[in-house]
Amino acid sequence: MPTLKDTYPLYLNNKAAQPNTDLEVIDKYTGEVAFRTALATPDVIEEGIAGAVRATEPMAKMASFERQAVLEHCVSRFRERFDELAYALCVEAGKPINDAEGEVTRLIDTFKIAAEEATRNYGEVQPLDISARAKGYMGMWKRVPIGPCSFISPFNFPLNLAAHKIAPAIAVGCPFVMKPASKTPLGALIMGEILAETDLPEGAFSILPASRDGADLFTEDERLKLLSFTGSPGVGWALKAKAGKKPVVLELGGNAAVIVDKDADLDHALERIIFGAFYQSGQSCIGVQRIIIHEDVYDRFKAMLVEKTASLVAGDPKDPKTFIGPMISNGEASRLKGWIDDAVANGATLLCGGGLTNGNMLEATLLEGVPRNCDANTEEAFGPLANLSRFSDFYEALDQVNDSKFGLQAGIFTRDIHQVLDAWDTLDVGGVVVNDVSSYRVDNMPYGGVKDSGLGREGIRFAMEDMTEIRNLVIRRI
């Protein structure tokens, strides 16, 4: 099994720096300090932003094949360090090893997609002679890098969600400063170590673990031309309000629903819903939180769900047999335990789970009949909790999905193509997934939400569009 070092540096203007070892990172299963990293102070963050500004022109002048080569180098090195990256996720995030290996695979996919897209930053020739006054004129446009970008990434996918910001920035030629989550900084720092092996211009990147107060420094500086934030809705919308004139991309929370219709393949739906609700202890913004089941199959499918949920193995995330690992902190586990207890006190039925041990080991939990106004129903659980409800009419089920302030993704298990198309038209979400769960994502697709779930879309090509501006050229033939 790989080992971790005692201390790790931050990366400032492409170079490792160890100004201190002030950030303690906890092994989320044992509760012990796993390693320490450098913590960026305001002067270090200022230096990183200034470096990104200096790198703006040399980054923009890099040829597309040169940017592609950087991304391909990362792909190669991620493969070589696969086990180390997965183990780091196990330790710093408490992510079961099978899920951790899956995330490393997605990290590689994300950089591969970016390497392919780096040479596809197309423009267009546009006829302008739409009226007599424009006779003899022609136009064309291209995309140019927006400039220095600021990225803030979350704890739950410390590799791949950071990659969805870093990889498209390199693909289009934008320098950046990144603040990884202080609870899980190591994945991004290893990415920084690998990027430091390349020939990117000085100042092209800085990866700077910082306190939560430091987020303002990554947000308010007018030299930064775009902010991309992934995290909680409360923090994201507050940062948007402080961001000034710069564009802001927000990938925030959800309380995603899946519909199980009467004609669904229940065995398949069971396998996917259990995964979607409880993988990495439910700590996913598109994790299944609401399971809406047709009344004709409700009792049968409920029994299947309860039996399977109760059988999930909880324990040390480093053990390949473990499916349920720890939540990110004792505080988060206690919060969700409180929501479960509150729902039961207000009339919900606890079908299985609900127990809390070792501070942050919350059992996989199913509730039934959760009152509409309970936090367990209306807010983002972000933990191993799912709620069951029934429906009789498919369009009533669509209304239940939409009865949420969130709108990230939704899943539907049905064989009726007409219902699929109606759902696609009706559901107020960023994506509809048919015969799979809301938590399904491929890393080249447009991904993001509506309502309180955010603004804009990630997915390499779509992020590249956000990180570029259109520059027009008009030519008069004389």
Protein backbone atom coordinates (compact mmCIF):
# COMPACT_ATOMS: atom_id res chain seq x y z
CA MET A 1 0.00 0.00 0.00
CA PRO A 2 1.37 3.48 -0.83
CA THR A 3 2.57 5.74 1.95
CA LEU A 4 2.07 9.46 2.37
CA LYS A 5 4.73 11.98 3.29
CA ASP A 6 4.58 13.86 6.59
CA THR A 7 4.43 17.27 4.90
CA TYR A 8 3.48 18.67 1.51
CA PRO A 9 4.21 22.07 -0.07
CA LEU A 10 1.85 24.42 -1.81
CA TYR A 11 2.52 25.45 -5.41
CA LEU A 12 3.16 29.14 -6.04
CA ASN A 13 3.77 30.34 -9.58
CA ASN A 14 4.55 26.79 -10.78
CA LYS A 15 7.00 26.01 -7.96
CA ALA A 16 6.80 24.09 -4.71
CA ALA A 17 6.99 26.32 -1.63
CA GLN A 18 6.94 25.35 2.03
CA PRO A 19 6.46 28.58 4.01
CA ASN A 20 4.92 26.62 6.89
CA THR A 21 3.22 23.34 7.81
CA ASP A 22 0.19 24.95 9.40
CA LEU A 23 -2.62 22.94 7.79
CA GLU A 24 -3.30 19.62 9.53
CA VAL A 25 -5.16 17.10 7.37
CA ILE A 26 -7.00 14.39 9.26
CA ASP A 27 -7.37 10.73 8.30
CA LYS A 28 -11.17 10.74 8.19
CA TYR A 29 -11.46 7.18 9.46
CA THR A 30 -8.91 7.13 12.30
CA GLY A 31 -9.30 10.76 13.29
CA GLU A 32 -5.52 11.15 13.49
CA VAL A 33 -3.37 13.71 11.71
CA ALA A 34 -2.33 12.07 8.43
CA PHE A 35 -0.02 14.81 7.13
CA ARG A 36 0.48 18.55 7.09
CA THR A 37 0.55 20.98 4.21
CA ALA A 38 1.57 24.58 3.78
CA LEU A 39 -1.22 27.10 4.33
CA ALA A 40 -1.26 30.12 2.02
CA THR A 41 -1.27 33.47 3.80
CA PRO A 42 -2.73 36.61 2.17
CA ASP A 43 0.68 37.71 0.89
CA VAL A 44 1.20 34.32 -0.78
CA ILE A 45 -2.24 34.50 -2.42
CA GLU A 46 -1.41 38.01 -3.65
CA GLU A 47 1.83 36.72 -5.13
CA GLY A 48 -0.05 33.93 -6.91
CA ILE A 49 -2.57 36.35 -8.41
CA ALA A 50 0.21 38.69 -9.54
CA GLY A 51 2.01 35.74 -11.13
CA ALA A 52 -1.14 34.73 -13.00
CA VAL A 53 -1.46 38.25 -14.35
CA ARG A 54 2.15 38.16 -15.60
CA ALA A 55 1.50 34.78 -17.22
CA THR A 56 -1.57 35.95 -19.14
CA GLU A 57 0.22 36.86 -22.37
CA PRO A 58 2.68 33.91 -22.49
CA MET A 59 -0.15 31.47 -21.75
CA ALA A 60 -2.29 32.96 -24.52
CA LYS A 61 0.62 32.67 -26.97
CA MET A 62 1.17 28.97 -26.35
CA ALA A 63 0.37 26.90 -29.42
CA SER A 64 -2.51 24.48 -29.05
CA PHE A 65 -0.18 21.49 -29.51
CA GLU A 66 1.96 22.80 -26.64
CA ARG A 67 -1.03 23.02 -24.32
CA GLN A 68 -2.10 19.57 -25.49
CA ALA A 69 1.34 18.19 -24.62
CA VAL A 70 1.02 19.50 -21.04
CA LEU A 71 -2.31 17.75 -20.63
CA GLU A 72 -0.99 14.52 -22.15
CA HIS A 73 1.94 14.60 -19.73
CA CYS A 74 -0.54 14.83 -16.86
CA VAL A 75 -2.49 11.85 -18.18
CA SER A 76 0.68 9.78 -18.32
CA ARG A 77 1.80 10.75 -14.82
CA PHE A 78 -1.65 10.21 -13.30
CA ARG A 79 -1.56 6.67 -14.64
CA GLU A 80 1.88 6.12 -13.14
CA ARG A 81 0.73 7.46 -9.77
CA PHE A 82 -2.73 5.84 -9.85
CA ASP A 83 -2.37 3.90 -6.59
CA GLU A 84 -0.90 6.86 -4.74
CA LEU A 85 -3.71 9.15 -5.85
CA ALA A 86 -6.38 6.62 -4.84
CA TYR A 87 -4.79 6.02 -1.46
CA ALA A 88 -4.59 9.77 -0.82
CA LEU A 89 -8.35 9.98 -1.42
CA CYS A 90 -8.93 7.15 1.02
CA VAL A 91 -7.04 8.97 3.73
CA GLU A 92 -7.94 12.61 3.29
CA ALA A 93 -11.56 12.17 2.14
CA GLY A 94 -12.47 8.87 3.82
CA LYS A 95 -13.50 7.63 0.38
CA PRO A 96 -13.80 3.83 0.09
CA ILE A 97 -10.95 2.53 -2.03
CA ASN A 98 -13.19 1.31 -4.85
CA ASP A 99 -14.77 4.77 -5.16
CA ALA A 100 -11.32 6.36 -4.88
CA GLU A 101 -10.00 4.30 -7.77
CA GLY A 102 -13.07 5.28 -9.77
CA GLU A 103 -12.34 8.95 -9.18
CA VAL A 104 -8.73 8.58 -10.33
CA THR A 105 -10.03 6.94 -13.50
CA ARG A 106 -12.30 9.94 -14.04
CA LEU A 107 -9.41 12.33 -13.39
CA ILE A 108 -7.53 10.64 -16.23
CA ASP A 109 -10.61 10.79 -18.49
CA THR A 110 -11.07 14.50 -17.78
CA PHE A 111 -7.51 15.39 -18.74
CA LYS A 112 -7.71 13.14 -21.82
CA ILE A 113 -10.83 14.98 -22.99
CA ALA A 114 -9.13 18.33 -22.38
CA ALA A 115 -6.06 17.22 -24.36
CA GLU A 116 -8.30 16.36 -27.29
CA GLU A 117 -10.27 19.62 -27.04
CA ALA A 118 -7.12 21.78 -26.76
CA THR A 119 -6.75 21.75 -30.55
CA ARG A 120 -10.46 22.35 -31.24
CA ASN A 121 -10.95 25.93 -30.08
CA TYR A 122 -12.77 26.86 -33.27
CA GLY A 123 -14.16 30.12 -34.58
CA GLU A 124 -16.39 30.89 -37.55
CA VAL A 125 -16.57 32.87 -40.77
CA GLN A 126 -19.80 34.86 -40.84
CA PRO A 127 -21.42 36.53 -43.89
CA LEU A 128 -22.31 40.13 -43.06
CA ASP A 129 -23.97 41.17 -46.32
CA ILE A 130 -27.45 40.82 -44.89
CA SER A 131 -28.50 44.21 -46.29
CA ALA A 132 -27.30 46.72 -48.88
CA ARG A 133 -25.30 48.74 -46.35
CA ALA A 134 -23.13 45.68 -45.57
CA LYS A 135 -22.29 44.76 -49.16
CA GLY A 136 -18.58 44.06 -49.42
CA TYR A 137 -18.17 43.30 -45.72
CA MET A 138 -17.29 39.94 -44.21
CA GLY A 139 -16.79 38.86 -40.63
CA MET A 140 -15.13 36.17 -38.62
CA TRP A 141 -14.70 35.45 -34.94
CA LYS A 142 -12.43 33.44 -32.72
CA ARG A 143 -12.25 32.57 -29.04
CA VAL A 144 -9.46 34.06 -26.92
CA PRO A 145 -8.56 33.23 -23.30
CA ILE A 146 -10.50 35.30 -20.77
CA GLY A 147 -7.38 35.80 -18.64
CA PRO A 148 -6.42 34.86 -15.06
CA CYS A 149 -9.02 32.59 -13.44
CA SER A 150 -9.82 31.78 -9.84
CA PHE A 151 -10.93 28.29 -8.85
CA ILE A 152 -12.35 27.02 -5.56
CA SER A 153 -12.91 23.26 -5.36
CA PRO A 154 -14.76 21.10 -2.77
CA PHE A 155 -13.83 18.20 -0.50
CA ASN A 156 -16.01 15.45 -1.94
CA PHE A 157 -14.27 14.95 -5.31
CA PRO A 158 -10.88 16.53 -4.58
CA LEU A 159 -9.34 15.21 -7.81
CA ASN A 160 -11.99 15.27 -10.47
CA LEU A 161 -13.79 18.47 -9.55
CA ALA A 162 -10.46 20.27 -9.41
CA ALA A 163 -9.60 18.69 -12.77
CA HIS A 164 -12.79 20.11 -14.30
CA LYS A 165 -11.39 23.57 -13.66
CA ILE A 166 -7.65 23.03 -14.20
CA ALA A 167 -7.79 20.99 -17.41
CA PRO A 168 -9.98 23.35 -19.49
CA ALA A 169 -7.96 26.35 -18.26
CA ILE A 170 -4.79 24.79 -19.63
CA ALA A 171 -6.58 23.75 -22.81
CA VAL A 172 -7.51 27.36 -23.65
CA GLY A 173 -4.46 29.08 -22.15
CA CYS A 174 -5.77 30.70 -18.97
CA PRO A 175 -3.45 31.05 -15.96
CA PHE A 176 -5.15 30.28 -12.67
CA VAL A 177 -5.00 30.29 -8.91
CA MET A 178 -6.80 27.46 -7.10
CA LYS A 179 -7.97 27.07 -3.54
CA PRO A 180 -8.57 23.36 -2.84
CA ALA A 181 -10.75 22.35 0.10
CA SER A 182 -8.71 22.56 3.30
CA LYS A 183 -10.06 19.19 4.45
CA THR A 184 -8.83 17.46 1.26
CA PRO A 185 -5.99 19.43 -0.36
CA LEU A 186 -3.62 16.61 -1.28
CA GLY A 187 -5.11 15.55 -4.60
CA ALA A 188 -4.82 19.06 -6.01
CA LEU A 189 -1.29 19.41 -4.63
CA ILE A 190 -0.20 16.21 -6.37
CA MET A 191 -1.69 17.63 -9.56
CA GLY A 192 0.42 20.73 -8.92
CA GLU A 193 3.51 18.60 -8.50
CA ILE A 194 2.87 17.00 -11.88
CA LEU A 195 2.11 20.31 -13.58
CA ALA A 196 5.41 21.65 -12.20
CA GLU A 197 7.20 19.04 -14.34
CA THR A 198 5.97 20.76 -17.52
CA ASP A 199 7.07 23.84 -19.45
CA LEU A 200 4.08 26.01 -18.60
CA PRO A 201 5.05 29.69 -18.34
CA GLU A 202 5.95 30.92 -14.87
CA GLY A 203 2.80 31.98 -13.04
CA ALA A 204 0.56 29.72 -15.12
CA PHE A 205 -0.73 28.04 -11.97
CA SER A 206 -0.75 28.32 -8.22
CA ILE A 207 -2.43 25.77 -5.96
CA LEU A 208 -2.86 27.35 -2.56
CA PRO A 209 -4.58 25.69 0.40
CA ALA A 210 -6.04 28.52 2.45
CA SER A 211 -8.46 29.18 5.26
CA ARG A 212 -12.13 29.73 4.44
CA ASP A 213 -11.55 33.48 4.95
CA GLY A 214 -9.04 33.27 2.12
CA ALA A 215 -11.89 32.58 -0.32
CA ASP A 216 -12.58 36.30 -0.44
CA LEU A 217 -9.08 36.92 -1.81
CA PHE A 218 -9.79 34.45 -4.62
CA THR A 219 -13.10 36.21 -5.32
CA GLU A 220 -12.89 39.97 -5.09
CA ASP A 221 -9.65 40.82 -6.90
CA GLU A 222 -10.51 42.57 -10.17
CA ARG A 223 -7.39 41.18 -11.87
CA LEU A 224 -9.09 37.78 -11.83
CA LYS A 225 -11.40 37.55 -14.84
CA LEU A 226 -13.51 34.51 -13.90
CA LEU A 227 -14.48 32.70 -10.70
CA SER A 228 -15.43 29.02 -10.84
CA PHE A 229 -16.72 27.67 -7.53
CA THR A 230 -17.97 24.21 -6.59
CA GLY A 231 -19.39 23.80 -3.10
CA SER A 232 -22.33 24.64 -0.89
CA PRO A 233 -25.12 26.96 -2.07
CA GLY A 234 -24.76 29.33 0.87
CA VAL A 235 -21.07 29.92 0.24
CA GLY A 236 -21.40 29.98 -3.55
CA TRP A 237 -24.11 32.63 -3.74
CA ALA A 238 -22.30 34.75 -1.15
CA LEU A 239 -19.11 34.65 -3.22
CA LYS A 240 -21.03 35.56 -6.37
CA ALA A 241 -22.31 38.67 -4.60
CA LYS A 242 -18.71 39.68 -3.85
CA ALA A 243 -17.25 38.83 -7.26
CA GLY A 244 -17.87 42.19 -8.87
CA LYS A 245 -17.88 42.37 -12.67
CA LYS A 246 -16.27 39.01 -13.38
CA PRO A 247 -18.31 36.07 -14.73
CA VAL A 248 -19.06 33.42 -12.11
CA VAL A 249 -19.67 29.70 -12.66
CA LEU A 250 -21.34 27.97 -9.71
CA GLU A 251 -21.80 24.22 -9.31
CA LEU A 252 -23.72 23.93 -6.07
CA GLY A 253 -25.94 21.51 -4.21
CA GLY A 254 -29.03 19.43 -4.79
CA ASN A 255 -31.45 16.96 -3.28
CA ALA A 256 -31.81 14.84 -6.37
CA ALA A 257 -34.78 12.60 -7.07
CA VAL A 258 -35.28 9.41 -9.04
CA ILE A 259 -38.59 8.08 -10.31
CA VAL A 260 -39.19 4.32 -10.43
CA ASP A 261 -42.15 3.65 -12.73
CA LYS A 262 -44.28 0.50 -12.64
CA ASP A 263 -42.62 -0.90 -15.80
CA ALA A 264 -39.05 -0.42 -14.54
CA ASP A 265 -36.53 -3.24 -14.29
CA LEU A 266 -36.53 -3.34 -10.50
CA ASP A 267 -33.37 -5.41 -10.12
CA HIS A 268 -31.43 -2.93 -12.25
CA ALA A 269 -33.04 0.04 -10.51
CA LEU A 270 -32.11 -1.41 -7.12
CA GLU A 271 -28.45 -1.80 -8.00
CA ARG A 272 -28.16 1.71 -9.40
CA ILE A 273 -30.19 3.49 -6.70
CA ILE A 274 -28.21 1.87 -3.88
CA PHE A 275 -25.06 3.08 -5.58
CA GLY A 276 -26.47 6.52 -6.30
CA ALA A 277 -27.70 7.07 -2.76
CA PHE A 278 -24.82 5.65 -0.75
CA TYR A 279 -21.57 5.64 -2.71
CA GLN A 280 -18.90 7.61 -0.85
CA SER A 281 -21.36 7.86 2.03
CA GLY A 282 -23.81 9.91 0.00
CA GLN A 283 -21.47 12.90 -0.16
CA SER A 284 -22.30 13.91 -3.72
CA CYS A 285 -24.37 16.86 -4.88
CA ILE A 286 -26.18 14.59 -7.36
CA GLY A 287 -26.53 11.67 -4.93
CA VAL A 288 -30.01 10.14 -4.80
CA GLN A 289 -31.92 11.68 -1.89
CA ARG A 290 -35.56 11.26 -2.96
CA ILE A 291 -36.84 7.93 -4.35
CA ILE A 292 -40.33 8.28 -5.87
CA ILE A 293 -41.88 4.85 -6.56
CA HIS A 294 -45.06 3.89 -8.42
CA GLU A 295 -47.71 2.54 -6.05
CA ASP A 296 -48.04 -0.72 -8.03
CA VAL A 297 -44.43 -1.71 -7.19
CA TYR A 298 -43.92 0.38 -4.06
CA ASP A 299 -44.11 -2.33 -1.39
CA ARG A 300 -41.99 -4.77 -3.34
CA PHE A 301 -39.32 -2.25 -4.21
CA LYS A 302 -39.26 -0.82 -0.70
CA ALA A 303 -38.54 -4.27 0.70
CA MET A 304 -35.74 -4.74 -1.83
CA LEU A 305 -34.22 -1.37 -0.94
CA VAL A 306 -34.34 -2.01 2.81
CA GLU A 307 -32.76 -5.44 2.52
CA LYS A 308 -29.96 -4.22 0.28
CA THR A 309 -29.27 -1.06 2.29
CA ALA A 310 -29.06 -2.98 5.56
CA SER A 311 -26.48 -5.33 4.01
CA LEU A 312 -24.00 -2.60 3.00
CA VAL A 313 -20.60 -3.05 4.62
CA ALA A 314 -19.40 -0.08 6.66
CA GLY A 315 -15.88 0.38 7.98
CA ASP A 316 -12.33 1.28 7.05
CA PRO A 317 -12.32 2.88 3.59
CA LYS A 318 -8.96 1.24 2.86
CA ASP A 319 -10.65 -2.19 2.95
CA PRO A 320 -11.93 -3.15 -0.54
CA LYS A 321 -15.00 -4.74 1.08
CA THR A 322 -16.13 -1.41 2.54
CA PHE A 323 -18.99 0.39 0.83
CA ILE A 324 -19.91 2.94 3.53
CA GLY A 325 -17.00 4.91 4.89
CA PRO A 326 -16.87 7.90 7.22
CA MET A 327 -18.43 11.26 6.52
CA ILE A 328 -16.03 14.14 6.13
CA SER A 329 -16.32 15.29 9.75
CA ASN A 330 -18.04 14.64 13.06
CA GLY A 331 -19.94 17.89 12.66
CA GLU A 332 -21.41 16.92 9.30
CA ALA A 333 -22.39 13.48 10.60
CA SER A 334 -24.05 14.99 13.67
CA ARG A 335 -25.94 17.48 11.51
CA LEU A 336 -27.43 14.76 9.32
CA LYS A 337 -28.17 12.53 12.31
CA GLY A 338 -30.13 15.46 13.72
CA TRP A 339 -32.11 15.78 10.49
CA ILE A 340 -32.99 12.07 10.59
CA ASP A 341 -34.12 12.26 14.21
CA ASP A 342 -36.16 15.39 13.48
CA ALA A 343 -37.91 13.72 10.54
CA VAL A 344 -38.83 10.70 12.68
CA ALA A 345 -40.05 12.95 15.49
CA ASN A 346 -42.33 14.66 12.98
CA GLY A 347 -43.89 11.46 11.64
CA ALA A 348 -41.43 9.84 9.25
CA THR A 349 -40.77 6.11 9.50
CA LEU A 350 -37.19 4.91 9.92
CA LEU A 351 -36.91 1.88 7.63
CA CYS A 352 -33.25 1.10 8.35
CA GLY A 353 -30.06 2.72 9.56
CA GLY A 354 -29.94 5.99 11.45
CA GLY A 355 -27.17 4.99 13.85
CA LEU A 356 -24.03 7.09 14.41
CA THR A 357 -20.75 5.63 15.70
CA ASN A 358 -17.14 6.81 16.04
CA GLY A 359 -18.22 10.40 15.56
CA ASN A 360 -18.58 10.36 11.78
CA MET A 361 -19.70 6.84 10.79
CA LEU A 362 -23.39 7.29 9.96
CA GLU A 363 -25.29 4.18 8.89
CA ALA A 364 -26.91 4.04 5.47
CA THR A 365 -30.42 5.27 6.21
CA LEU A 366 -33.81 4.97 4.52
CA LEU A 367 -36.81 7.02 5.63
CA GLU A 368 -40.44 6.85 4.54
CA GLY A 369 -43.09 9.52 4.73
CA VAL A 370 -40.80 12.44 5.51
CA PRO A 371 -42.91 15.58 6.02
CA ARG A 372 -42.47 18.07 3.22
CA ASN A 373 -41.05 20.81 5.45
CA CYS A 374 -38.38 18.71 7.16
CA ASP A 375 -34.73 19.44 6.37
CA ALA A 376 -34.27 15.79 5.40
CA ASN A 377 -36.62 16.45 2.49
CA THR A 378 -36.08 20.07 1.50
CA GLU A 379 -32.34 20.59 2.07
CA GLU A 380 -29.28 18.81 0.70
CA ALA A 381 -28.50 15.81 2.93
CA PHE A 382 -24.98 15.30 1.57
CA GLY A 383 -24.71 12.04 3.42
CA PRO A 384 -26.03 8.46 3.48
CA LEU A 385 -29.76 9.25 3.58
CA ALA A 386 -32.56 8.60 1.10
CA ASN A 387 -36.32 9.14 1.44
CA LEU A 388 -39.07 7.00 -0.10
CA SER A 389 -42.44 8.23 -1.36
CA ARG A 390 -45.07 6.84 -3.73
CA PHE A 391 -47.01 8.10 -6.74
CA SER A 392 -49.93 6.89 -8.86
CA ASP A 393 -49.61 9.16 -11.90
CA PHE A 394 -46.31 9.78 -13.73
CA TYR A 395 -46.97 13.48 -14.13
CA GLU A 396 -47.64 13.75 -10.41
CA ALA A 397 -44.17 12.23 -9.93
CA LEU A 398 -42.66 14.90 -12.18
CA ASP A 399 -44.30 17.53 -9.97
CA GLN A 400 -42.71 15.89 -6.91
CA VAL A 401 -39.28 16.10 -8.53
CA ASN A 402 -39.80 19.78 -9.32
CA ASP A 403 -41.02 20.52 -5.79
CA SER A 404 -37.54 21.56 -4.71
CA LYS A 405 -35.46 24.71 -4.60
CA PHE A 406 -32.68 22.67 -6.22
CA GLY A 407 -32.40 21.48 -9.81
CA LEU A 408 -29.18 19.66 -10.63
CA GLN A 409 -30.05 16.26 -12.13
CA ALA A 410 -32.86 13.69 -11.94
CA GLY A 411 -33.15 10.01 -12.79
CA ILE A 412 -36.08 8.06 -14.27
CA PHE A 413 -36.50 4.31 -14.55
CA THR A 414 -39.10 3.66 -17.25
CA ARG A 415 -39.56 1.93 -20.59
CA ASP A 416 -41.99 4.54 -21.97
CA ILE A 417 -40.24 6.84 -24.46
CA HIS A 418 -43.15 9.27 -24.45
CA GLN A 419 -42.79 9.72 -20.70
CA VAL A 420 -39.05 10.17 -21.14
CA LEU A 421 -39.57 13.01 -23.60
CA ASP A 422 -42.25 14.61 -21.44
CA ALA A 423 -39.91 14.46 -18.45
CA TRP A 424 -37.11 16.06 -20.47
CA ASP A 425 -39.50 18.90 -21.32
CA THR A 426 -40.95 19.25 -17.83
CA LEU A 427 -38.26 18.67 -15.23
CA ASP A 428 -36.61 21.88 -14.08
CA VAL A 429 -33.13 20.42 -13.75
CA GLY A 430 -29.81 20.59 -15.55
CA GLY A 431 -29.93 16.98 -16.70
CA VAL A 432 -32.30 14.02 -16.93
CA VAL A 433 -30.84 10.51 -16.80
CA VAL A 434 -33.02 7.65 -18.05
CA ASN A 435 -32.75 4.14 -16.64
CA ASP A 436 -29.98 5.27 -14.33
CA VAL A 437 -29.59 7.50 -11.31
CA SER A 438 -29.22 11.24 -10.95
CA SER A 439 -25.62 10.72 -9.86
CA TYR A 440 -24.51 9.42 -13.26
CA ARG A 441 -22.05 11.72 -15.02
CA VAL A 442 -19.71 11.36 -17.97
CA ASP A 443 -16.98 13.96 -17.93
CA ASN A 444 -17.52 15.38 -21.43
CA MET A 445 -21.21 16.15 -20.99
CA PRO A 446 -22.62 19.56 -20.00
CA TYR A 447 -23.05 19.38 -16.25
CA GLY A 448 -24.67 21.90 -13.93
CA GLY A 449 -27.96 22.98 -12.48
CA VAL A 450 -30.71 25.56 -12.22
CA LYS A 451 -32.42 27.31 -9.31
CA ASP A 452 -30.28 27.06 -6.16
CA SER A 453 -28.08 24.42 -7.80
CA GLY A 454 -25.97 26.97 -9.63
CA LEU A 455 -25.09 28.86 -12.78
CA GLY A 456 -23.35 27.71 -15.94
CA ARG A 457 -22.13 24.30 -17.04
CA GLU A 458 -19.00 22.26 -16.54
CA GLY A 459 -17.74 19.54 -18.84
CA ILE A 460 -14.55 20.34 -20.72
CA ARG A 461 -15.90 21.93 -23.88
CA PHE A 462 -18.46 23.96 -21.97
CA ALA A 463 -15.94 25.13 -19.38
CA MET A 464 -13.61 26.14 -22.21
CA GLU A 465 -16.36 28.37 -23.57
CA ASP A 466 -16.73 30.04 -20.15
CA MET A 467 -12.95 30.58 -20.01
CA THR A 468 -12.83 32.30 -23.40
CA GLU A 469 -14.32 35.41 -24.95
CA ILE A 470 -15.41 35.92 -28.54
CA ARG A 471 -13.30 38.40 -30.48
CA ASN A 472 -14.83 39.60 -33.74
CA LEU A 473 -13.06 40.73 -36.93
CA VAL A 474 -14.83 42.72 -39.67
CA ILE A 475 -13.19 43.18 -43.09
CA ARG A 476 -14.40 45.51 -45.84
CA ARG A 477 -13.30 44.55 -49.31
CA ILE A 478 -12.38 47.66 -51.30
